[in-house]
Amino acid sequence: MTISIGLDIGGTKIAGAAFDERGAMICQQSVPTPKDYDAFIKACVGVVAGVELHSASVERFGVSIAGMIDQVKGSFFSVGIACARERAFRDDLAAATEQEVQIANDADSMALAEALDGAGKGYPTVLGLIIGTGIGAGFVVNQKIVSGPNGLAGEIGHLPLPYREESDGAAIECGCGQVGCIETTVAGSALMRLYAAMTGKKADNPQIATLARSGDEATLAVLDRYYEMLAKAMVTVIHAYDPHIIVVSGGLNGLPNLYKKVPQKWGRYCLAKNPKTLFVPAIHGPIAGLRGAAGLWG
């Protein structure tokens, strides 16, 4: 039986899992993410060994990382894993495990997982979109990640929102240093900010979703405006990548009528007035990073 192993590394935990050739998960385990680099590498090695102990030994594995990847140096930058900055993580982990290692950004890994056996299975081009605390995206062509020489392919979150109107709210400064980015307009905090501006009240995103499902008219008006802005952002995706399907994950992917309303609105802004691009929820949820990492070797 062929076994594939993937690690999913974030600022708080390192998770690992093994999958069989049918994509079924055999085992999974996780440990806290250390702050010291040597301890960090040791923890990654321990997770790989633990997963192998309950499945089978492998000669190579993949790693999904919440951060910017430099594939030439095999390094990454993540605010939550500062100890790894400018370190040759991929080569260090390969040496420590005596196995071949590939690394990928978490959004790229999510997109790959959905392209391999998720909502994007069977489509030549898949754009994986994460709408949560921030905006992340990855682009997959024929079940292969397209990352680009700078690792930025699909990173629409730091493009300006197109067709901005006064009703979209003020353009604010983004963590990247620019003003009016898509991330600051449609990520989780942006929806809460929009709700407060339009209603004069405060609510978190789960509360906003609950109010909308109950038929609250003020909240439905907020979501209608939010979906308009998200439609504008998705036209950036369609014009730049023209994907067959956009697969959505993240904390906001369950908003009511999201997958109906956004495609209804994006034709107003798109050169193709009836875009054929599909807009659907992801299937794999929180384990997408693990599944995508395990599939990096193809």
Foldseek 3Di string as FASTA:
>chain_A
DDKFKEWEDDLFKIKIWIADPVRDTQDMDMDTQDQAPVVNLVRNLVNLVVRCVRPNDDQEFEYEYAFFAQQVQCFTDDPSRNNRPPPSNQVVSCVVNVHHYYYAYLQQLLQLLCCPPKVNDPFQKEWEWEAELFIFIWIHGNSATDQDNRRCVNVQQADAQPPDDVLLDAWQADPVGDTRGLGCRQHQVNLQVLLCVQPVDGDGPVVLLVCVVVPPPSSVVSVLSSLLSVLSSVLVVCVVPVGQEYEYAYDNLPRPCSQPRNQVNNLVPHPNNNRNYHYYYIDPYPCSSGSSRSVNVD
